[in-house]
Amino acid sequence: YADSVKGRFTISRDNAKNTGFLQMNSLKPEDTAVYYCALDRKMGSW
């Protein structure tokens, strides 16, 4: 997680349903944005 969303957002996935999720709680005005999901073949460094 980015520091700005730690403790408020939760990322999860259900591979059986080919679906990912982002639960966003305690939303702030600075969270206003267009949100995109994306996929990568390999996990790199954070």
All heavy atoms as atom14 arrays in JSON, in Angstrom:
{
  "sequence": "YADSVKGRFTISRDNAKNTGFLQMNSLKPEDTAVYYCALDRKMGSW",
  "atom14_mask": [
    [1, 1, 1, 1, 1, 1, 1, 1, 1, 1, 1, 1, 0, 0],
    [1, 1, 1, 1, 1, 0, 0, 0, 0, 0, 0, 0, 0, 0],
    [1, 1, 1, 1, 1, 1, 1, 1, 0, 0, 0, 0, 0, 0],
    [1, 1, 1, 1, 1, 1, 0, 0, 0, 0, 0, 0, 0, 0],
    [1, 1, 1, 1, 1, 1, 1, 0, 0, 0, 0, 0, 0, 0],
    [1, 1, 1, 1, 1, 1, 1, 1, 1, 0, 0, 0, 0, 0],
    [1, 1, 1, 1, 0, 0, 0, 0, 0, 0, 0, 0, 0, 0],
    [1, 1, 1, 1, 1, 1, 1, 1, 1, 1, 1, 0, 0, 0],
    [1, 1, 1, 1, 1, 1, 1, 1, 1, 1, 1, 0, 0, 0],
    [1, 1, 1, 1, 1, 1, 1, 0, 0, 0, 0, 0, 0, 0],
    [1, 1, 1, 1, 1, 1, 1, 1, 0, 0, 0, 0, 0, 0],
    [1, 1, 1, 1, 1, 1, 0, 0, 0, 0, 0, 0, 0, 0],
    [1, 1, 1, 1, 1, 1, 1, 1, 1, 1, 1, 0, 0, 0],
    [1, 1, 1, 1, 1, 1, 1, 1, 0, 0, 0, 0, 0, 0],
    [1, 1, 1, 1, 1, 1, 1, 1, 0, 0, 0, 0, 0, 0],
    [1, 1, 1, 1, 1, 0, 0, 0, 0, 0, 0, 0, 0, 0],
    [1, 1, 1, 1, 1, 1, 1, 1, 1, 0, 0, 0, 0, 0],
    [1, 1, 1, 1, 1, 1, 1, 1, 0, 0, 0, 0, 0, 0],
    [1, 1, 1, 1, 1, 1, 1, 0, 0, 0, 0, 0, 0, 0],
    [1, 1, 1, 1, 0, 0, 0, 0, 0, 0, 0, 0, 0, 0],
    [1, 1, 1, 1, 1, 1, 1, 1, 1, 1, 1, 0, 0, 0],
    [1, 1, 1, 1, 1, 1, 1, 1, 0, 0, 0, 0, 0, 0],
    [1, 1, 1, 1, 1, 1, 1, 1, 1, 0, 0, 0, 0, 0],
    [1, 1, 1, 1, 1, 1, 1, 1, 0, 0, 0, 0, 0, 0],
    [1, 1, 1, 1, 1, 1, 1, 1, 0, 0, 0, 0, 0, 0],
    [1, 1, 1, 1, 1, 1, 0, 0, 0, 0, 0, 0, 0, 0],
    [1, 1, 1, 1, 1, 1, 1, 1, 0, 0, 0, 0, 0, 0],
    [1, 1, 1, 1, 1, 1, 1, 1, 1, 0, 0, 0, 0, 0],
    [1, 1, 1, 1, 1, 1, 1, 0, 0, 0, 0, 0, 0, 0],
    [1, 1, 1, 1, 1, 1, 1, 1, 1, 0, 0, 0, 0, 0],
    [1, 1, 1, 1, 1, 1, 1, 1, 0, 0, 0, 0, 0, 0],
    [1, 1, 1, 1, 1, 1, 1, 0, 0, 0, 0, 0, 0, 0],
    [1, 1, 1, 1, 1, 0, 0, 0, 0, 0, 0, 0, 0, 0],
    [1, 1, 1, 1, 1, 1, 1, 0, 0, 0, 0, 0, 0, 0],
    [1, 1, 1, 1, 1, 1, 1, 1, 1, 1, 1, 1, 0, 0],
    [1, 1, 1, 1, 1, 1, 1, 1, 1, 1, 1, 1, 0, 0],
    [1, 1, 1, 1, 1, 1, 0, 0, 0, 0, 0, 0, 0, 0],
    [1, 1, 1, 1, 1, 0, 0, 0, 0, 0, 0, 0, 0, 0],
    [1, 1, 1, 1, 1, 1, 1, 1, 0, 0, 0, 0, 0, 0],
    [1, 1, 1, 1, 1, 1, 1, 1, 0, 0, 0, 0, 0, 0],
    [1, 1, 1, 1, 1, 1, 1, 1, 1, 1, 1, 0, 0, 0],
    [1, 1, 1, 1, 1, 1, 1, 1, 1, 0, 0, 0, 0, 0],
    [1, 1, 1, 1, 1, 1, 1, 1, 0, 0, 0, 0, 0, 0],
    [1, 1, 1, 1, 0, 0, 0, 0, 0, 0, 0, 0, 0, 0],
    [1, 1, 1, 1, 1, 1, 0, 0, 0, 0, 0, 0, 0, 0],
    [1, 1, 1, 1, 1, 1, 1, 1, 1, 1, 1, 1, 1, 1]
  ],
  "atom14_positions": [
    [[0.82, -1.2, 0.0], [0.0, 0.0, 0.0], [0.86, 1.25, 0.0], [1.92, 1.3, 0.64], [-0.91, 0.05, 1.23], [-1.9, -1.08, 1.32], [-1.62, -2.23, 2.04], [-3.12, -0.99, 0.66], [-2.52, -3.27, 2.11], [-4.04, -2.03, 0.73], [-3.73, -3.16, 1.45], [-4.64, -4.2, 1.53], [0.0, 0.0, 0.0], [0.0, 0.0, 0.0]],
    [[0.38, 2.26, -0.7], [0.98, 3.57, -0.59], [0.74, 4.11, 0.82], [-0.28, 3.82, 1.45], [0.39, 4.53, -1.62], [0.0, 0.0, 0.0], [0.0, 0.0, 0.0], [0.0, 0.0, 0.0], [0.0, 0.0, 0.0], [0.0, 0.0, 0.0], [0.0, 0.0, 0.0], [0.0, 0.0, 0.0], [0.0, 0.0, 0.0], [0.0, 0.0, 0.0]],
    [[1.69, 4.9, 1.33], [1.56, 5.43, 2.68], [0.27, 6.23, 2.86], [-0.31, 6.24, 3.95], [2.76, 6.31, 3.01], [4.04, 5.51, 3.21], [3.95, 4.29, 3.44], [5.13, 6.11, 3.14], [0.0, 0.0, 0.0], [0.0, 0.0, 0.0], [0.0, 0.0, 0.0], [0.0, 0.0, 0.0], [0.0, 0.0, 0.0], [0.0, 0.0, 0.0]],
    [[-0.18, 6.89, 1.82], [-1.34, 7.75, 1.9], [-2.65, 7.0, 2.15], [-3.64, 7.61, 2.56], [-1.47, 8.6, 0.63], [-1.6, 7.77, -0.51], [0.0, 0.0, 0.0], [0.0, 0.0, 0.0], [0.0, 0.0, 0.0], [0.0, 0.0, 0.0], [0.0, 0.0, 0.0], [0.0, 0.0, 0.0], [0.0, 0.0, 0.0], [0.0, 0.0, 0.0]],
    [[-2.67, 5.68, 1.9], [-3.91, 4.92, 2.04], [-3.81, 3.8, 3.06], [-4.81, 3.11, 3.32], [-4.37, 4.33, 0.69], [-4.48, 5.43, -0.36], [-3.42, 3.23, 0.21], [0.0, 0.0, 0.0], [0.0, 0.0, 0.0], [0.0, 0.0, 0.0], [0.0, 0.0, 0.0], [0.0, 0.0, 0.0], [0.0, 0.0, 0.0], [0.0, 0.0, 0.0]],
    [[-2.65, 3.6, 3.67], [-2.49, 2.53, 4.66], [-3.47, 2.71, 5.81], [-3.65, 3.8, 6.33], [-1.06, 2.51, 5.19], [-0.05, 1.91, 4.24], [1.33, 1.88, 4.86], [2.34, 1.24, 3.93], [3.71, 1.23, 4.5], [0.0, 0.0, 0.0], [0.0, 0.0, 0.0], [0.0, 0.0, 0.0], [0.0, 0.0, 0.0], [0.0, 0.0, 0.0]],
    [[-4.09, 1.62, 6.2], [-5.07, 1.65, 7.27], [-6.46, 2.01, 6.84], [-7.41, 1.88, 7.63], [0.0, 0.0, 0.0], [0.0, 0.0, 0.0], [0.0, 0.0, 0.0], [0.0, 0.0, 0.0], [0.0, 0.0, 0.0], [0.0, 0.0, 0.0], [0.0, 0.0, 0.0], [0.0, 0.0, 0.0], [0.0, 0.0, 0.0], [0.0, 0.0, 0.0]],
    [[-6.62, 2.48, 5.59], [-7.93, 2.88, 5.09], [-8.39, 2.01, 3.91], [-9.58, 1.74, 3.79], [-7.92, 4.34, 4.65], [-7.58, 5.31, 5.77], [-7.79, 6.75, 5.34], [-6.91, 7.12, 4.23], [-7.33, 7.54, 3.04], [-8.63, 7.66, 2.8], [-6.45, 7.86, 2.09], [0.0, 0.0, 0.0], [0.0, 0.0, 0.0], [0.0, 0.0, 0.0]],
    [[-7.46, 1.6, 3.06], [-7.79, 0.82, 1.87], [-7.34, -0.63, 2.06], [-6.32, -0.89, 2.71], [-7.1, 1.37, 0.63], [-7.61, 2.7, 0.15], [-8.48, 3.46, 0.91], [-7.21, 3.19, -1.09], [-8.94, 4.69, 0.46], [-7.67, 4.41, -1.55], [-8.53, 5.16, -0.78], [0.0, 0.0, 0.0], [0.0, 0.0, 0.0], [0.0, 0.0, 0.0]],
    [[-8.07, -1.56, 1.46], [-7.71, -2.97, 1.48], [-7.83, -3.55, 0.08], [-8.9, -3.48, -0.53], [-8.6, -3.77, 2.43], [-8.51, -3.23, 3.76], [-8.15, -5.23, 2.47], [0.0, 0.0, 0.0], [0.0, 0.0, 0.0], [0.0, 0.0, 0.0], [0.0, 0.0, 0.0], [0.0, 0.0, 0.0], [0.0, 0.0, 0.0], [0.0, 0.0, 0.0]],
    [[-6.75, -4.12, -0.42], [-6.76, -4.76, -1.73], [-6.96, -6.26, -1.54], [-6.44, -6.85, -0.6], [-5.46, -4.46, -2.51], [-5.56, -4.96, -3.95], [-4.25, -5.04, -1.81], [-4.4, -4.51, -4.83], [0.0, 0.0, 0.0], [0.0, 0.0, 0.0], [0.0, 0.0, 0.0], [0.0, 0.0, 0.0], [0.0, 0.0, 0.0], [0.0, 0.0, 0.0]],
    [[-7.73, -6.88, -2.43], [-7.98, -8.31, -2.35], [-8.26, -8.84, -3.75], [-8.41, -8.08, -4.7], [-9.14, -8.62, -1.4], [-10.34, -8.03, -1.85], [0.0, 0.0, 0.0], [0.0, 0.0, 0.0], [0.0, 0.0, 0.0], [0.0, 0.0, 0.0], [0.0, 0.0, 0.0], [0.0, 0.0, 0.0], [0.0, 0.0, 0.0], [0.0, 0.0, 0.0]],
    [[-8.33, -10.17, -3.87], [-8.64, -10.78, -5.15], [-9.35, -12.1, -4.95], [-9.15, -12.79, -3.94], [-7.37, -10.96, -5.99], [-6.38, -11.96, -5.41], [-5.02, -11.85, -6.1], [-5.11, -12.11, -7.53], [-4.17, -11.79, -8.41], [-3.06, -11.17, -8.01], [-4.34, -12.08, -9.7], [0.0, 0.0, 0.0], [0.0, 0.0, 0.0], [0.0, 0.0, 0.0]],
    [[-10.17, -12.46, -5.93], [-10.86, -13.75, -5.96], [-10.52, -14.36, -7.31], [-11.17, -14.09, -8.32], [-12.36, -13.56, -5.8], [-13.11, -14.88, -5.68], [-12.56, -15.92, -6.07], [-14.25, -14.87, -5.2], [0.0, 0.0, 0.0], [0.0, 0.0, 0.0], [0.0, 0.0, 0.0], [0.0, 0.0, 0.0], [0.0, 0.0, 0.0], [0.0, 0.0, 0.0]],
    [[-9.48, -15.19, -7.33], [-9.0, -15.74, -8.59], [-10.01, -16.67, -9.25], [-10.04, -16.78, -10.47], [-7.68, -16.48, -8.36], [-6.53, -15.53, -8.07], [-6.58, -14.35, -8.4], [-5.48, -16.05, -7.44], [0.0, 0.0, 0.0], [0.0, 0.0, 0.0], [0.0, 0.0, 0.0], [0.0, 0.0, 0.0], [0.0, 0.0, 0.0], [0.0, 0.0, 0.0]],
    [[-10.84, -17.34, -8.45], [-11.86, -18.22, -9.01], [-12.88, -17.44, -9.84], [-13.49, -17.99, -10.75], [-12.56, -19.0, -7.91], [0.0, 0.0, 0.0], [0.0, 0.0, 0.0], [0.0, 0.0, 0.0], [0.0, 0.0, 0.0], [0.0, 0.0, 0.0], [0.0, 0.0, 0.0], [0.0, 0.0, 0.0], [0.0, 0.0, 0.0], [0.0, 0.0, 0.0]],
    [[-13.07, -16.17, -9.51], [-14.0, -15.32, -10.23], [-13.3, -14.32, -11.15], [-13.96, -13.46, -11.74], [-14.89, -14.57, -9.24], [-15.78, -15.48, -8.4], [-16.66, -14.68, -7.47], [-17.57, -15.59, -6.67], [-18.45, -14.83, -5.74], [0.0, 0.0, 0.0], [0.0, 0.0, 0.0], [0.0, 0.0, 0.0], [0.0, 0.0, 0.0], [0.0, 0.0, 0.0]],
    [[-11.98, -14.42, -11.26], [-11.19, -13.51, -12.1], [-11.48, -12.04, -11.78], [-11.64, -11.21, -12.68], [-11.46, -13.78, -13.58], [-10.79, -15.04, -14.08], [-10.02, -15.68, -13.37], [-11.08, -15.41, -15.32], [0.0, 0.0, 0.0], [0.0, 0.0, 0.0], [0.0, 0.0, 0.0], [0.0, 0.0, 0.0], [0.0, 0.0, 0.0], [0.0, 0.0, 0.0]],
    [[-11.54, -11.74, -10.5], [-11.91, -10.4, -10.06], [-11.02, -9.92, -8.93], [-10.71, -10.67, -8.01], [-13.38, -10.37, -9.61], [-14.22, -10.87, -10.66], [-13.81, -8.95, -9.29], [0.0, 0.0, 0.0], [0.0, 0.0, 0.0], [0.0, 0.0, 0.0], [0.0, 0.0, 0.0], [0.0, 0.0, 0.0], [0.0, 0.0, 0.0], [0.0, 0.0, 0.0]],
    [[-10.63, -8.65, -9.0], [-9.9, -8.01, -7.93], [-10.74, -6.91, -7.32], [-11.72, -6.44, -7.93], [0.0, 0.0, 0.0], [0.0, 0.0, 0.0], [0.0, 0.0, 0.0], [0.0, 0.0, 0.0], [0.0, 0.0, 0.0], [0.0, 0.0, 0.0], [0.0, 0.0, 0.0], [0.0, 0.0, 0.0], [0.0, 0.0, 0.0], [0.0, 0.0, 0.0]],
    [[-10.36, -6.48, -6.11], [-11.16, -5.5, -5.38], [-10.25, -4.48, -4.69], [-9.1, -4.76, -4.38], [-12.03, -6.17, -4.32], [-12.9, -7.25, -4.85], [-12.5, -8.58, -4.82], [-14.14, -6.96, -5.39], [-13.3, -9.59, -5.3], [-14.96, -7.96, -5.89], [-14.54, -9.27, -5.85], [0.0, 0.0, 0.0], [0.0, 0.0, 0.0], [0.0, 0.0, 0.0]],
    [[-10.82, -3.32, -4.44], [-10.2, -2.32, -3.59], [-11.28, -1.75, -2.68], [-12.14, -1.0, -3.14], [-9.55, -1.2, -4.41], [-8.78, -0.16, -3.6], [-7.53, -0.78, -2.98], [-8.41, 1.04, -4.46], [0.0, 0.0, 0.0], [0.0, 0.0, 0.0], [0.0, 0.0, 0.0], [0.0, 0.0, 0.0], [0.0, 0.0, 0.0], [0.0, 0.0, 0.0]],
    [[-11.24, -2.13, -1.41], [-12.15, -1.59, -0.42], [-11.57, -0.3, 0.12], [-10.45, -0.29, 0.64], [-12.36, -2.59, 0.71], [-13.27, -2.1, 1.83], [-14.7, -1.91, 1.38], [-15.26, -2.78, 0.71], [-15.3, -0.78, 1.73], [0.0, 0.0, 0.0], [0.0, 0.0, 0.0], [0.0, 0.0, 0.0], [0.0, 0.0, 0.0], [0.0, 0.0, 0.0]],
    [[-12.32, 0.79, 0.01], [-11.84, 2.11, 0.41], [-12.73, 2.62, 1.53], [-13.93, 2.86, 1.33], [-11.85, 3.07, -0.77], [-11.06, 2.57, -1.97], [-10.96, 3.81, -3.3], [-12.69, 3.93, -3.74], [0.0, 0.0, 0.0], [0.0, 0.0, 0.0], [0.0, 0.0, 0.0], [0.0, 0.0, 0.0], [0.0, 0.0, 0.0], [0.0, 0.0, 0.0]],
    [[-12.15, 2.79, 2.71], [-12.86, 3.31, 3.87], [-12.28, 4.65, 4.3], [-11.17, 5.0, 3.91], [-12.77, 2.32, 5.04], [-13.4, 0.98, 4.74], [-14.39, 0.88, 4.02], [-12.81, -0.09, 5.3], [0.0, 0.0, 0.0], [0.0, 0.0, 0.0], [0.0, 0.0, 0.0], [0.0, 0.0, 0.0], [0.0, 0.0, 0.0], [0.0, 0.0, 0.0]],
    [[-13.03, 5.37, 5.12], [-12.58, 6.67, 5.63], [-12.07, 7.56, 4.51], [-10.99, 8.16, 4.61], [-11.5, 6.46, 6.7], [-11.97, 5.67, 7.77], [0.0, 0.0, 0.0], [0.0, 0.0, 0.0], [0.0, 0.0, 0.0], [0.0, 0.0, 0.0], [0.0, 0.0, 0.0], [0.0, 0.0, 0.0], [0.0, 0.0, 0.0], [0.0, 0.0, 0.0]],
    [[-12.84, 7.67, 3.46], [-12.4, 8.41, 2.28], [-12.25, 9.89, 2.57], [-13.0, 10.47, 3.36], [-13.39, 8.2, 1.14], [-13.26, 6.85, 0.43], [-14.5, 6.56, -0.39], [-12.01, 6.84, -0.45], [0.0, 0.0, 0.0], [0.0, 0.0, 0.0], [0.0, 0.0, 0.0], [0.0, 0.0, 0.0], [0.0, 0.0, 0.0], [0.0, 0.0, 0.0]],
    [[-11.25, 10.49, 1.93], [-10.92, 11.89, 2.08], [-11.04, 12.59, 0.73], [-10.92, 11.95, -0.32], [-9.49, 12.05, 2.6], [-9.2, 11.33, 3.9], [-7.73, 11.44, 4.27], [-7.42, 10.72, 5.56], [-5.98, 10.82, 5.9], [0.0, 0.0, 0.0], [0.0, 0.0, 0.0], [0.0, 0.0, 0.0], [0.0, 0.0, 0.0], [0.0, 0.0, 0.0]],
    [[-11.26, 13.91, 0.73], [-11.33, 14.63, -0.55], [-10.1, 14.42, -1.43], [-10.24, 14.38, -2.65], [-11.47, 16.09, -0.12], [-12.16, 16.01, 1.2], [-11.59, 14.78, 1.87], [0.0, 0.0, 0.0], [0.0, 0.0, 0.0], [0.0, 0.0, 0.0], [0.0, 0.0, 0.0], [0.0, 0.0, 0.0], [0.0, 0.0, 0.0], [0.0, 0.0, 0.0]],
    [[-8.93, 14.27, -0.84], [-7.73, 14.06, -1.62], [-7.67, 12.69, -2.28], [-6.77, 12.42, -3.08], [-6.47, 14.28, -0.76], [-6.46, 13.5, 0.54], [-6.91, 14.34, 1.72], [-7.9, 15.09, 1.58], [-6.27, 14.26, 2.79], [0.0, 0.0, 0.0], [0.0, 0.0, 0.0], [0.0, 0.0, 0.0], [0.0, 0.0, 0.0], [0.0, 0.0, 0.0]],
    [[-8.61, 11.79, -1.96], [-8.72, 10.52, -2.65], [-9.44, 10.64, -3.99], [-9.5, 9.67, -4.75], [-9.45, 9.49, -1.79], [-8.69, 9.14, -0.52], [-7.45, 8.99, -0.59], [-9.34, 9.01, 0.54], [0.0, 0.0, 0.0], [0.0, 0.0, 0.0], [0.0, 0.0, 0.0], [0.0, 0.0, 0.0], [0.0, 0.0, 0.0], [0.0, 0.0, 0.0]],
    [[-10.01, 11.8, -4.27], [-10.73, 12.02, -5.52], [-9.79, 11.82, -6.71], [-8.75, 12.47, -6.8], [-11.33, 13.42, -5.56], [-12.32, 13.54, -4.53], [-11.98, 13.7, -6.91], [0.0, 0.0, 0.0], [0.0, 0.0, 0.0], [0.0, 0.0, 0.0], [0.0, 0.0, 0.0], [0.0, 0.0, 0.0], [0.0, 0.0, 0.0], [0.0, 0.0, 0.0]],
    [[-10.17, 10.93, -7.61], [-9.33, 10.6, -8.76], [-10.05, 9.57, -9.62], [-11.07, 9.0, -9.21], [-7.98, 10.04, -8.31], [0.0, 0.0, 0.0], [0.0, 0.0, 0.0], [0.0, 0.0, 0.0], [0.0, 0.0, 0.0], [0.0, 0.0, 0.0], [0.0, 0.0, 0.0], [0.0, 0.0, 0.0], [0.0, 0.0, 0.0], [0.0, 0.0, 0.0]],
    [[-9.5, 9.32, -10.8], [-9.89, 8.17, -11.59], [-9.03, 7.0, -11.14], [-7.8, 7.11, -11.1], [-9.73, 8.41, -13.09], [-10.07, 7.15, -13.88], [-10.61, 9.57, -13.54], [0.0, 0.0, 0.0], [0.0, 0.0, 0.0], [0.0, 0.0, 0.0], [0.0, 0.0, 0.0], [0.0, 0.0, 0.0], [0.0, 0.0, 0.0], [0.0, 0.0, 0.0]],
    [[-9.65, 5.89, -10.8], [-8.94, 4.72, -10.31], [-8.87, 3.66, -11.39], [-9.87, 3.34, -12.05], [-9.63, 4.15, -9.07], [-9.35, 4.95, -7.82], [-9.92, 6.21, -7.65], [-8.51, 4.47, -6.83], [-9.65, 6.96, -6.52], [-8.24, 5.21, -5.69], [-8.82, 6.46, -5.55], [-8.55, 7.19, -4.42], [0.0, 0.0, 0.0], [0.0, 0.0, 0.0]],
    [[-7.67, 3.1, -11.57], [-7.41, 2.1, -12.59], [-6.88, 0.82, -11.96], [-6.1, 0.88, -11.01], [-6.35, 2.58, -13.59], [-6.68, 3.86, -14.31], [-6.36, 5.09, -13.74], [-7.27, 3.83, -15.56], [-6.65, 6.27, -14.4], [-7.56, 5.0, -16.23], [-7.24, 6.22, -15.64], [-7.52, 7.39, -16.32], [0.0, 0.0, 0.0], [0.0, 0.0, 0.0]],
    [[-7.28, -0.32, -12.48], [-6.6, -1.56, -12.13], [-5.69, -1.96, -13.28], [-5.91, -1.58, -14.43], [-7.59, -2.68, -11.79], [-8.56, -3.32, -13.16], [0.0, 0.0, 0.0], [0.0, 0.0, 0.0], [0.0, 0.0, 0.0], [0.0, 0.0, 0.0], [0.0, 0.0, 0.0], [0.0, 0.0, 0.0], [0.0, 0.0, 0.0], [0.0, 0.0, 0.0]],
    [[-4.64, -2.71, -12.96], [-3.66, -3.11, -13.94], [-3.02, -4.43, -13.54], [-3.02, -4.79, -12.36], [-2.59, -2.02, -14.09], [0.0, 0.0, 0.0], [0.0, 0.0, 0.0], [0.0, 0.0, 0.0], [0.0, 0.0, 0.0], [0.0, 0.0, 0.0], [0.0, 0.0, 0.0], [0.0, 0.0, 0.0], [0.0, 0.0, 0.0], [0.0, 0.0, 0.0]],
    [[-2.46, -5.14, -14.51], [-1.84, -6.44, -14.28], [-0.39, -6.44, -14.75], [-0.04, -5.79, -15.72], [-2.6, -7.53, -15.03], [-4.09, -7.7, -14.71], [-4.67, -8.84, -15.53], [-4.31, -7.94, -13.23], [0.0, 0.0, 0.0], [0.0, 0.0, 0.0], [0.0, 0.0, 0.0], [0.0, 0.0, 0.0], [0.0, 0.0, 0.0], [0.0, 0.0, 0.0]],
    [[0.43, -7.22, -14.03], [1.82, -7.4, -14.36], [2.17, -8.88, -14.23], [1.68, -9.56, -13.33], [2.71, -6.56, -13.43], [4.18, -6.65, -13.77], [4.5, -6.89, -14.95], [5.01, -6.45, -12.86], [0.0, 0.0, 0.0], [0.0, 0.0, 0.0], [0.0, 0.0, 0.0], [0.0, 0.0, 0.0], [0.0, 0.0, 0.0], [0.0, 0.0, 0.0]],
    [[3.03, -9.37, -15.11], [3.4, -10.79, -15.11], [4.28, -11.14, -13.91], [4.13, -12.19, -13.3], [4.12, -11.14, -16.41], [4.6, -12.58, -16.49], [3.45, -13.55, -16.7], [2.81, -13.35, -18.0], [1.81, -14.08, -18.46], [1.33, -15.08, -17.72], [1.28, -13.82, -19.65], [0.0, 0.0, 0.0], [0.0, 0.0, 0.0], [0.0, 0.0, 0.0]],
    [[5.21, -10.25, -13.59], [6.17, -10.5, -12.53], [6.07, -9.44, -11.44], [5.8, -8.27, -11.73], [7.6, -10.53, -13.08], [7.86, -11.63, -14.1], [7.93, -12.99, -13.43], [8.35, -14.06, -14.43], [8.44, -15.4, -13.79], [0.0, 0.0, 0.0], [0.0, 0.0, 0.0], [0.0, 0.0, 0.0], [0.0, 0.0, 0.0], [0.0, 0.0, 0.0]],
    [[6.33, -9.85, -10.2], [6.34, -8.93, -9.08], [7.73, -8.34, -8.93], [8.7, -9.07, -8.72], [5.92, -9.63, -7.79], [5.89, -8.71, -6.57], [4.61, -7.44, -6.73], [5.1, -6.3, -5.44], [0.0, 0.0, 0.0], [0.0, 0.0, 0.0], [0.0, 0.0, 0.0], [0.0, 0.0, 0.0], [0.0, 0.0, 0.0], [0.0, 0.0, 0.0]],
    [[7.84, -7.03, -9.02], [9.09, -6.35, -8.8], [9.14, -5.78, -7.39], [8.33, -6.11, -6.53], [0.0, 0.0, 0.0], [0.0, 0.0, 0.0], [0.0, 0.0, 0.0], [0.0, 0.0, 0.0], [0.0, 0.0, 0.0], [0.0, 0.0, 0.0], [0.0, 0.0, 0.0], [0.0, 0.0, 0.0], [0.0, 0.0, 0.0], [0.0, 0.0, 0.0]],
    [[10.09, -4.89, -7.17], [10.22, -4.27, -5.86], [9.22, -3.14, -5.7], [8.85, -2.47, -6.67], [11.65, -3.74, -5.67], [11.97, -2.77, -6.65], [0.0, 0.0, 0.0], [0.0, 0.0, 0.0], [0.0, 0.0, 0.0], [0.0, 0.0, 0.0], [0.0, 0.0, 0.0], [0.0, 0.0, 0.0], [0.0, 0.0, 0.0], [0.0, 0.0, 0.0]],
    [[8.77, -2.91, -4.48], [7.83, -1.84, -4.16], [8.58, -0.55, -3.91], [9.65, -0.59, -3.26], [7.0, -2.22, -2.94], [6.0, -1.19, -2.57], [6.13, -0.24, -1.6], [4.72, -0.98, -3.18], [5.0, 0.54, -1.56], [4.13, 0.11, -2.52], [4.04, -1.61, -4.21], [2.86, 0.57, -2.87], [2.79, -1.15, -4.56], [2.22, -0.07, -3.89]]
  ]
}
